[in-house]
Amino acid sequence: MSHGDEAGRAAERVARESYGRLVAFLAARTRDVAGAEDALGEAFAAALRLWPADGVPDNPDAWLLTVARRRQTDAIRRRQTRTAGEEHLTLIADEIAAASEEGATLPDRRLALMFACAHPAIERGLRAPLILQTILGMTAEDISAAFLVPPATMGQRLVRAKTRIRDAGIPFRIPDKEELGERMQAVLDAIYAAYAKGWNEVGQQGVPEIAGEALWLGRLVVSLMPTEPEPKGMLALMYYAESRRAARRAANGAYVPLEEQDTSLWDDSQIRLAEQLLHEANAGGPTGRYQLEAAIQSAHTGRRLSGAANWPIVVQLYDHLYALTRSPVVILNRAVALAEVDGPAAALAALAPLAQDRRMQGYQPYWAARGHLLARTGATAEAREAFTVALGLTTDDAVTAYLNGQMARLSSH
């Protein structure tokens, strides 16, 4: 491995691990999220140019902050008159310079930035996507897939939302309890969407680190709001998923769906942690979306203890979840569970309303589930069509191989 390759990989690793922390710090005083992202983007570009020749600095975060600070203050000077902006610039420069020297003690402003993105002045449907881009550096294309919105539309909306933060002077702080409600939901939705990306796209370089970051942020929210039930429900949901990570792939790397997983590979310590968090969440307040989703995962873990699945309970929990969310994804997941109780024909009937939902047309799990259910009813030609669409929407090589196996099985019958 060449020195340049090593430095390039180091820059990519720092970008993944430090992006949100550095954006949050740079934007905390200026309220200019887009400006902070631009400044940091230029700093990363400089790192990729200089580190291969000069070597990776001892404190990469401090190096990046110093370069980004220069870009940021230059940009502010271009926008403001010297007299109006001088004092503000000095404050920013002093604070960032001090943090650059301290290095490891850089204050973590990520949660404060997340709540700024979840402010009532930001359009409700944009709060979670905005958090994903500013904290984790996810692209508009990645985010649009998670929220069933076209990429170009999502990109335009995100730009407008960042302008709104700057122009409205939205403060970077964790709000008082009476302000939490609606804003906390957007923060939790963003953290969980980030986790889901890291969970669903195992094969992509850097993506598992996103899942780790999401778990860290989930623990942070729980620690800062120990009496709130929904953060605990969300963290429980993530730990239930984490407990099954080792069972999701066979020894040869093949994808293994939940109902076929070897439950002995599930991690007991993470299941216990999830169960404790769910118990505390349920004791702490009314049942919310994440508490219900965690309860569904808890029902699935019952198979490890009894050897028998709890599908009727899972269907009932999905009924409650749908009443709360009216989400098409809940209809889909409920139908998959219903197939295990009343058979594939009943599941396809429950799935029928989604055929008219435009959001499902580009949603891979819908087509994969439809293919499985059609195959079980013997509708081979329709199943093949659904699997073909699912394959076209799949980015994970292991899932592609699994779906190709399902297609091959159709041909053999």
Protein backbone atom coordinates (compact mmCIF):
# COMPACT_ATOMS: atom_id res chain seq x y z
CA MET A 1 0.00 0.00 0.00
CA SER A 2 1.43 3.36 -1.02
CA HIS A 3 1.81 6.33 1.31
CA GLY A 4 -0.68 8.25 -0.85
CA ASP A 5 -3.29 5.47 -0.64
CA GLU A 6 -2.89 5.36 3.14
CA ALA A 7 -3.37 9.13 3.42
CA GLY A 8 -6.37 9.02 1.10
CA ARG A 9 -8.01 6.30 3.19
CA ALA A 10 -7.23 8.24 6.36
CA ALA A 11 -8.97 11.31 4.92
CA GLU A 12 -12.02 9.22 4.00
CA ARG A 13 -12.11 7.69 7.50
CA VAL A 14 -11.89 11.12 9.17
CA ALA A 15 -14.61 12.37 6.82
CA ARG A 16 -16.93 9.56 7.92
CA GLU A 17 -16.14 9.74 11.60
CA SER A 18 -15.82 13.50 12.11
CA TYR A 19 -18.04 15.07 9.47
CA GLY A 20 -21.09 15.76 11.64
CA ARG A 21 -19.07 16.78 14.67
CA LEU A 22 -17.07 19.34 12.65
CA VAL A 23 -20.08 20.72 10.73
CA ALA A 24 -21.98 21.14 14.00
CA PHE A 25 -19.07 22.96 15.58
CA LEU A 26 -18.44 25.24 12.61
CA ALA A 27 -22.14 26.11 12.21
CA ALA A 28 -22.92 26.64 15.90
CA ARG A 29 -21.94 30.33 15.95
CA THR A 30 -22.76 31.38 12.38
CA ARG A 31 -26.06 29.44 11.99
CA ASP A 32 -24.86 28.95 8.40
CA VAL A 33 -25.04 25.18 7.89
CA ALA A 34 -24.46 25.35 4.13
CA GLY A 35 -21.44 27.62 4.68
CA ALA A 36 -20.02 25.21 7.26
CA GLU A 37 -20.50 22.29 4.86
CA ASP A 38 -18.80 24.21 2.05
CA ALA A 39 -15.87 25.20 4.27
CA LEU A 40 -15.45 21.64 5.53
CA GLY A 41 -15.76 20.27 1.99
CA GLU A 42 -12.87 22.51 0.92
CA ALA A 43 -10.87 21.38 3.96
CA PHE A 44 -11.38 17.71 3.04
CA ALA A 45 -10.38 18.49 -0.56
CA ALA A 46 -7.20 20.13 0.77
CA ALA A 47 -6.52 17.06 2.93
CA LEU A 48 -6.83 14.73 -0.05
CA ARG A 49 -4.42 16.97 -1.94
CA LEU A 50 -1.83 17.55 0.81
CA TRP A 51 -1.86 14.54 3.13
CA PRO A 52 -0.54 12.04 0.56
CA ALA A 53 2.60 14.21 0.23
CA ASP A 54 2.92 15.62 3.76
CA GLY A 55 1.55 12.71 5.79
CA VAL A 56 -1.57 12.54 7.97
CA PRO A 57 -1.36 15.10 10.82
CA ASP A 58 -1.32 13.92 14.45
CA ASN A 59 -4.68 15.59 15.05
CA PRO A 60 -6.63 15.39 11.76
CA ASP A 61 -9.73 17.05 13.26
CA ALA A 62 -7.74 20.09 14.37
CA TRP A 63 -6.05 20.33 10.95
CA LEU A 64 -9.41 20.24 9.18
CA LEU A 65 -10.92 22.77 11.59
CA THR A 66 -8.07 25.19 11.01
CA VAL A 67 -8.41 25.01 7.22
CA ALA A 68 -12.22 25.14 7.37
CA ARG A 69 -12.11 28.10 9.75
CA ARG A 70 -10.02 30.09 7.24
CA ARG A 71 -12.46 29.27 4.42
CA GLN A 72 -15.43 30.12 6.65
CA THR A 73 -14.11 33.47 7.85
CA ASP A 74 -13.09 34.42 4.29
CA ALA A 75 -16.64 33.67 3.14
CA ILE A 76 -18.16 35.70 5.97
CA ARG A 77 -15.88 38.65 5.18
CA ARG A 78 -17.06 38.57 1.60
CA ARG A 79 -20.68 38.78 2.77
CA GLN A 80 -20.37 41.32 5.58
CA THR A 81 -18.80 44.77 5.87
CA ARG A 82 -15.66 44.78 7.99
CA THR A 83 -17.12 46.99 10.73
CA ALA A 84 -20.38 45.03 11.06
CA GLY A 85 -18.76 41.62 11.08
CA GLU A 86 -15.41 42.06 12.81
CA GLU A 87 -16.50 41.29 16.37
CA HIS A 88 -18.53 38.25 15.27
CA LEU A 89 -15.61 36.97 13.19
CA THR A 90 -13.21 37.34 16.09
CA LEU A 91 -15.48 35.36 18.39
CA ILE A 92 -15.76 32.53 15.86
CA ALA A 93 -12.05 32.52 15.10
CA ASP A 94 -11.07 32.51 18.78
CA GLU A 95 -13.44 29.68 19.65
CA ILE A 96 -12.39 27.48 16.74
CA ALA A 97 -8.71 28.23 17.27
CA ALA A 98 -9.01 27.23 20.94
CA ALA A 99 -10.79 24.01 19.96
CA SER A 100 -8.14 23.27 17.34
CA GLU A 101 -5.44 23.49 20.00
CA GLU A 102 -7.40 21.33 22.45
CA GLY A 103 -8.12 18.78 19.73
CA ALA A 104 -9.57 15.81 21.56
CA THR A 105 -11.77 17.99 23.78
CA LEU A 106 -13.67 19.52 20.86
CA PRO A 107 -17.18 20.09 22.25
CA ASP A 108 -19.78 17.89 20.57
CA ARG A 109 -22.54 20.09 19.15
CA ARG A 110 -24.22 17.41 17.06
CA LEU A 111 -27.32 17.08 19.19
CA ALA A 112 -27.72 20.86 19.29
CA LEU A 113 -27.47 20.98 15.48
CA MET A 114 -30.02 18.17 15.22
CA PHE A 115 -32.53 20.14 17.28
CA ALA A 116 -31.85 23.25 15.20
CA CYS A 117 -32.73 21.21 12.10
CA ALA A 118 -35.92 20.08 13.87
CA HIS A 119 -37.04 23.65 14.69
CA PRO A 120 -40.71 24.53 13.95
CA ALA A 121 -39.48 27.08 11.37
CA ILE A 122 -38.27 24.14 9.24
CA GLU A 123 -40.91 22.30 7.21
CA ARG A 124 -41.88 19.18 9.15
CA GLY A 125 -41.13 16.66 6.39
CA LEU A 126 -37.64 18.10 5.94
CA ARG A 127 -36.44 17.98 9.53
CA ALA A 128 -35.20 14.38 9.59
CA PRO A 129 -33.66 14.55 6.05
CA LEU A 130 -31.85 17.77 6.98
CA ILE A 131 -30.38 16.11 10.07
CA LEU A 132 -29.16 13.17 7.98
CA GLN A 133 -27.32 15.44 5.56
CA THR A 134 -25.78 17.79 8.12
CA ILE A 135 -24.81 15.19 10.72
CA LEU A 136 -23.83 12.23 8.56
CA GLY A 137 -23.06 13.88 5.23
CA MET A 138 -25.60 11.68 3.40
CA THR A 139 -26.39 12.74 -0.15
CA ALA A 140 -29.80 13.98 -1.29
CA GLU A 141 -30.05 10.81 -3.39
CA ASP A 142 -29.52 8.52 -0.37
CA ILE A 143 -31.93 10.54 1.74
CA SER A 144 -34.60 10.66 -0.97
CA ALA A 145 -34.64 6.85 -1.11
CA ALA A 146 -35.22 6.63 2.64
CA PHE A 147 -38.10 9.15 2.56
CA LEU A 148 -39.70 8.11 -0.78
CA VAL A 149 -39.12 11.52 -2.44
CA PRO A 150 -37.42 12.19 -5.85
CA PRO A 151 -33.71 13.12 -5.42
CA ALA A 152 -33.89 16.48 -7.25
CA THR A 153 -36.87 17.55 -5.16
CA MET A 154 -35.12 16.51 -1.94
CA GLY A 155 -31.94 18.41 -2.93
CA GLN A 156 -33.84 21.64 -3.58
CA ARG A 157 -35.76 21.38 -0.33
CA LEU A 158 -32.61 20.77 1.70
CA VAL A 159 -30.94 23.88 0.26
CA ARG A 160 -34.00 25.98 1.20
CA ALA A 161 -34.07 24.52 4.71
CA LYS A 162 -30.42 25.42 5.37
CA THR A 163 -31.09 28.97 4.17
CA ARG A 164 -33.99 29.10 6.60
CA ILE A 165 -31.76 28.15 9.57
CA ARG A 166 -29.37 30.97 8.70
CA ASP A 167 -31.93 33.64 7.87
CA ALA A 168 -34.17 32.90 10.87
CA GLY A 169 -31.19 32.74 13.25
CA ILE A 170 -32.40 29.42 14.65
CA PRO A 171 -30.46 28.70 17.88
CA PHE A 172 -28.30 25.60 18.26
CA ARG A 173 -29.47 24.23 21.60
CA ILE A 174 -31.37 21.34 23.13
CA PRO A 175 -34.86 22.78 23.74
CA ASP A 176 -36.73 22.98 27.04
CA LYS A 177 -39.06 20.10 27.90
CA GLU A 178 -42.20 21.90 26.72
CA GLU A 179 -40.64 22.40 23.27
CA LEU A 180 -39.35 18.84 22.91
CA GLY A 181 -42.34 16.84 21.62
CA GLU A 182 -42.52 17.37 17.88
CA ARG A 183 -38.84 18.28 17.53
CA MET A 184 -37.69 15.14 19.28
CA GLN A 185 -39.64 13.00 16.81
CA ALA A 186 -37.64 14.41 13.89
CA VAL A 187 -34.36 13.80 15.74
CA LEU A 188 -35.33 10.19 16.47
CA ASP A 189 -36.53 9.64 12.89
CA ALA A 190 -33.18 10.87 11.53
CA ILE A 191 -31.13 8.73 13.90
CA TYR A 192 -33.15 5.65 13.05
CA ALA A 193 -33.03 6.34 9.29
CA ALA A 194 -29.24 6.55 9.56
CA TYR A 195 -29.16 3.28 11.47
CA ALA A 196 -31.41 1.64 8.87
CA LYS A 197 -29.03 2.72 6.09
CA GLY A 198 -26.12 1.11 7.93
CA TRP A 199 -28.23 -1.98 8.60
CA ASN A 200 -29.66 -2.46 5.10
CA GLU A 201 -26.53 -1.78 3.06
CA VAL A 202 -23.97 -3.96 4.77
CA GLY A 203 -21.83 -4.41 1.69
CA GLN A 204 -21.09 -0.73 1.11
CA GLN A 205 -17.79 0.70 2.33
CA GLY A 206 -18.26 3.03 5.28
CA VAL A 207 -21.94 2.23 5.78
CA PRO A 208 -21.60 0.03 8.92
CA GLU A 209 -19.84 2.99 10.57
CA ILE A 210 -23.04 5.00 9.98
CA ALA A 211 -24.96 2.39 12.00
CA GLY A 212 -22.40 2.76 14.79
CA GLU A 213 -22.74 6.54 14.72
CA ALA A 214 -26.53 6.20 14.90
CA LEU A 215 -26.26 3.95 17.97
CA TRP A 216 -23.95 6.49 19.60
CA LEU A 217 -26.41 9.32 18.89
CA GLY A 218 -29.27 7.15 20.19
CA ARG A 219 -27.42 6.53 23.46
CA LEU A 220 -26.67 10.26 23.70
CA VAL A 221 -30.34 11.23 23.32
CA VAL A 222 -31.36 8.64 25.94
CA SER A 223 -28.71 9.90 28.38
CA LEU A 224 -29.78 13.51 27.92
CA MET A 225 -33.52 12.73 28.19
CA PRO A 226 -33.71 9.79 30.59
CA THR A 227 -37.41 10.28 31.41
CA GLU A 228 -38.58 10.34 27.76
CA PRO A 229 -39.95 6.94 26.63
CA GLU A 230 -39.58 7.16 22.83
CA PRO A 231 -35.76 7.57 22.70
CA LYS A 232 -35.53 4.37 24.77
CA GLY A 233 -37.96 2.67 22.41
CA MET A 234 -35.83 3.69 19.42
CA LEU A 235 -32.59 2.56 21.05
CA ALA A 236 -34.22 -0.75 21.99
CA LEU A 237 -35.31 -1.21 18.37
CA MET A 238 -31.74 -0.66 17.15
CA TYR A 239 -30.30 -3.10 19.70
CA TYR A 240 -32.80 -5.80 18.70
CA ALA A 241 -31.55 -5.39 15.13
CA GLU A 242 -27.90 -5.35 16.23
CA SER A 243 -28.42 -8.58 18.15
CA ARG A 244 -29.16 -10.35 14.84
CA ARG A 245 -26.26 -8.91 12.85
CA ALA A 246 -24.19 -12.13 12.94
CA ALA A 247 -27.15 -14.20 11.68
CA ARG A 248 -27.96 -12.04 8.65
CA ARG A 249 -25.28 -13.56 6.45
CA ALA A 250 -24.36 -17.23 5.96
CA ALA A 251 -20.72 -18.33 6.13
CA ASN A 252 -20.44 -17.77 2.36
CA GLY A 253 -21.86 -14.22 2.68
CA ALA A 254 -25.35 -15.15 1.46
CA TYR A 255 -28.33 -13.14 2.74
CA VAL A 256 -30.49 -14.92 5.34
CA PRO A 257 -34.03 -13.54 5.94
CA LEU A 258 -35.28 -13.17 9.51
CA GLU A 259 -37.55 -16.23 9.51
CA GLU A 260 -34.66 -18.47 8.34
CA GLN A 261 -31.99 -17.15 10.72
CA ASP A 262 -30.17 -19.39 13.19
CA THR A 263 -31.38 -17.89 16.46
CA SER A 264 -28.38 -19.31 18.33
CA LEU A 265 -26.30 -16.66 16.55
CA TRP A 266 -28.36 -13.82 18.03
CA ASP A 267 -26.48 -11.83 20.67
CA ASP A 268 -27.96 -12.42 24.16
CA SER A 269 -26.36 -9.36 25.75
CA GLN A 270 -27.83 -7.00 23.15
CA ILE A 271 -31.25 -8.65 23.41
CA ARG A 272 -31.17 -8.18 27.20
CA LEU A 273 -30.20 -4.53 26.77
CA ALA A 274 -33.03 -4.02 24.26
CA GLU A 275 -35.55 -5.73 26.55
CA GLN A 276 -34.50 -3.57 29.50
CA LEU A 277 -34.77 -0.37 27.44
CA LEU A 278 -38.21 -1.40 26.14
CA HIS A 279 -39.38 -2.22 29.67
CA GLU A 280 -38.23 1.21 30.89
CA ALA A 281 -39.82 2.93 27.87
CA ASN A 282 -43.18 1.23 28.42
CA ALA A 283 -43.11 2.20 32.10
CA GLY A 284 -42.27 5.80 31.26
CA GLY A 285 -45.21 6.90 29.16
CA PRO A 286 -47.71 6.23 26.38
CA THR A 287 -46.85 3.85 23.57
CA GLY A 288 -45.20 5.60 20.61
CA ARG A 289 -44.04 4.45 17.21
CA TYR A 290 -40.61 3.26 18.30
CA GLN A 291 -41.94 1.50 21.38
CA LEU A 292 -44.37 -0.42 19.15
CA GLU A 293 -41.69 -1.28 16.61
CA ALA A 294 -39.41 -2.47 19.42
CA ALA A 295 -42.28 -4.56 20.83
CA ILE A 296 -42.61 -6.23 17.39
CA GLN A 297 -38.91 -7.11 17.47
CA SER A 298 -39.30 -8.36 21.04
CA ALA A 299 -42.05 -10.71 19.81
CA HIS A 300 -39.66 -12.02 17.14
CA THR A 301 -37.04 -12.80 19.79
CA GLY A 302 -39.58 -15.06 21.48
CA ARG A 303 -38.72 -17.62 18.78
CA ARG A 304 -35.26 -17.94 20.35
CA LEU A 305 -36.75 -18.96 23.69
CA SER A 306 -39.71 -21.09 22.62
CA GLY A 307 -38.75 -22.22 19.13
CA ALA A 308 -42.15 -20.96 17.93
CA ALA A 309 -42.84 -17.66 16.15
CA ASN A 310 -45.34 -15.15 17.57
CA TRP A 311 -46.86 -14.05 14.25
CA PRO A 312 -50.42 -13.36 15.57
CA ILE A 313 -48.97 -10.98 18.18
CA VAL A 314 -46.80 -9.34 15.52
CA VAL A 315 -49.88 -8.74 13.31
CA GLN A 316 -51.76 -7.16 16.25
CA LEU A 317 -48.82 -4.87 17.01
CA TYR A 318 -48.67 -3.79 13.36
CA ASP A 319 -52.39 -2.95 13.58
CA HIS A 320 -51.65 -0.59 16.49
CA LEU A 321 -48.64 0.84 14.64
CA TYR A 322 -50.69 1.53 11.51
CA ALA A 323 -53.38 3.30 13.55
CA LEU A 324 -50.61 5.55 14.86
CA THR A 325 -48.60 6.18 11.67
CA ARG A 326 -50.80 5.41 8.62
CA SER A 327 -47.54 4.41 6.94
CA PRO A 328 -47.52 2.33 3.71
CA VAL A 329 -44.39 0.58 5.01
CA VAL A 330 -46.41 -0.64 8.01
CA ILE A 331 -49.07 -2.03 5.63
CA LEU A 332 -46.28 -3.89 3.82
CA ASN A 333 -44.69 -5.32 6.96
CA ARG A 334 -48.09 -6.29 8.40
CA ALA A 335 -48.92 -8.16 5.18
CA VAL A 336 -45.67 -10.15 5.40
CA ALA A 337 -46.53 -11.13 8.99
CA LEU A 338 -50.15 -11.90 8.04
CA ALA A 339 -48.91 -14.42 5.47
CA GLU A 340 -47.55 -16.49 8.35
CA VAL A 341 -50.96 -16.45 10.08
CA ASP A 342 -53.61 -16.56 7.32
CA GLY A 343 -51.56 -17.51 4.27
CA PRO A 344 -50.16 -15.69 1.21
CA ALA A 345 -53.53 -15.00 -0.47
CA ALA A 346 -54.74 -13.03 2.57
CA ALA A 347 -51.40 -11.18 2.63
CA LEU A 348 -51.68 -10.21 -1.05
CA ALA A 349 -55.20 -8.91 -0.42
CA ALA A 350 -53.85 -6.78 2.44
CA LEU A 351 -51.10 -5.54 0.13
CA ALA A 352 -53.52 -4.55 -2.66
CA PRO A 353 -53.94 -0.86 -1.61
CA LEU A 354 -50.19 -0.29 -2.07
CA ALA A 355 -50.41 -1.02 -5.81
CA GLN A 356 -51.87 2.50 -6.21
CA ASP A 357 -49.27 4.15 -3.97
CA ARG A 358 -46.66 5.82 -6.19
CA ARG A 359 -44.11 5.79 -3.35
CA MET A 360 -43.98 1.99 -3.51
CA GLN A 361 -42.98 1.90 -7.18
CA GLY A 362 -39.32 2.50 -6.32
CA TYR A 363 -39.36 0.73 -2.93
CA GLN A 364 -37.40 -2.51 -3.19
CA PRO A 365 -38.88 -4.30 -0.12
CA TYR A 366 -42.39 -3.94 -1.60
CA TRP A 367 -41.46 -5.74 -4.81
CA ALA A 368 -39.42 -8.42 -3.01
CA ALA A 369 -42.29 -9.14 -0.59
CA ARG A 370 -44.80 -9.18 -3.45
CA GLY A 371 -42.60 -11.64 -5.34
CA HIS A 372 -42.37 -13.98 -2.33
CA LEU A 373 -46.12 -13.92 -1.71
CA LEU A 374 -47.00 -14.47 -5.38
CA ALA A 375 -44.54 -17.36 -5.55
CA ARG A 376 -46.23 -18.99 -2.55
CA THR A 377 -49.63 -18.79 -4.28
CA GLY A 378 -48.23 -20.38 -7.45
CA ALA A 379 -48.52 -17.20 -9.56
CA THR A 380 -45.13 -17.84 -11.15
CA ALA A 381 -45.24 -15.31 -13.99
CA GLU A 382 -46.37 -12.45 -11.72
CA ALA A 383 -43.81 -13.46 -9.09
CA ARG A 384 -41.04 -13.35 -11.70
CA GLU A 385 -42.11 -9.83 -12.74
CA ALA A 386 -42.05 -8.62 -9.12
CA PHE A 387 -38.65 -10.20 -8.44
CA THR A 388 -37.28 -8.58 -11.62
CA VAL A 389 -38.34 -5.13 -10.41
CA ALA A 390 -36.89 -5.88 -6.94
CA LEU A 391 -33.58 -6.93 -8.50
CA GLY A 392 -33.42 -3.67 -10.43
CA LEU A 393 -33.82 -1.73 -7.18
CA THR A 394 -31.32 -3.78 -5.13
CA THR A 395 -27.84 -2.43 -4.35
CA ASP A 396 -26.65 -5.17 -1.95
CA ASP A 397 -24.84 -8.02 -3.74
CA ALA A 398 -25.95 -10.59 -1.14
CA VAL A 399 -29.60 -9.62 -1.52
CA THR A 400 -29.22 -9.70 -5.31
CA ALA A 401 -27.89 -13.27 -5.06
CA TYR A 402 -30.77 -14.23 -2.74
CA LEU A 403 -33.40 -12.83 -5.13
CA ASN A 404 -31.74 -14.55 -8.08
CA GLY A 405 -32.02 -17.78 -6.08
CA GLN A 406 -35.73 -17.15 -5.61
CA MET A 407 -36.09 -16.57 -9.37
CA ALA A 408 -34.22 -19.80 -10.11
CA ARG A 409 -36.53 -21.67 -7.73
CA LEU A 410 -39.54 -20.38 -9.70
CA SER A 411 -38.10 -21.84 -12.89
CA SER A 412 -37.56 -25.25 -11.27
CA HIS A 413 -41.20 -25.67 -10.30
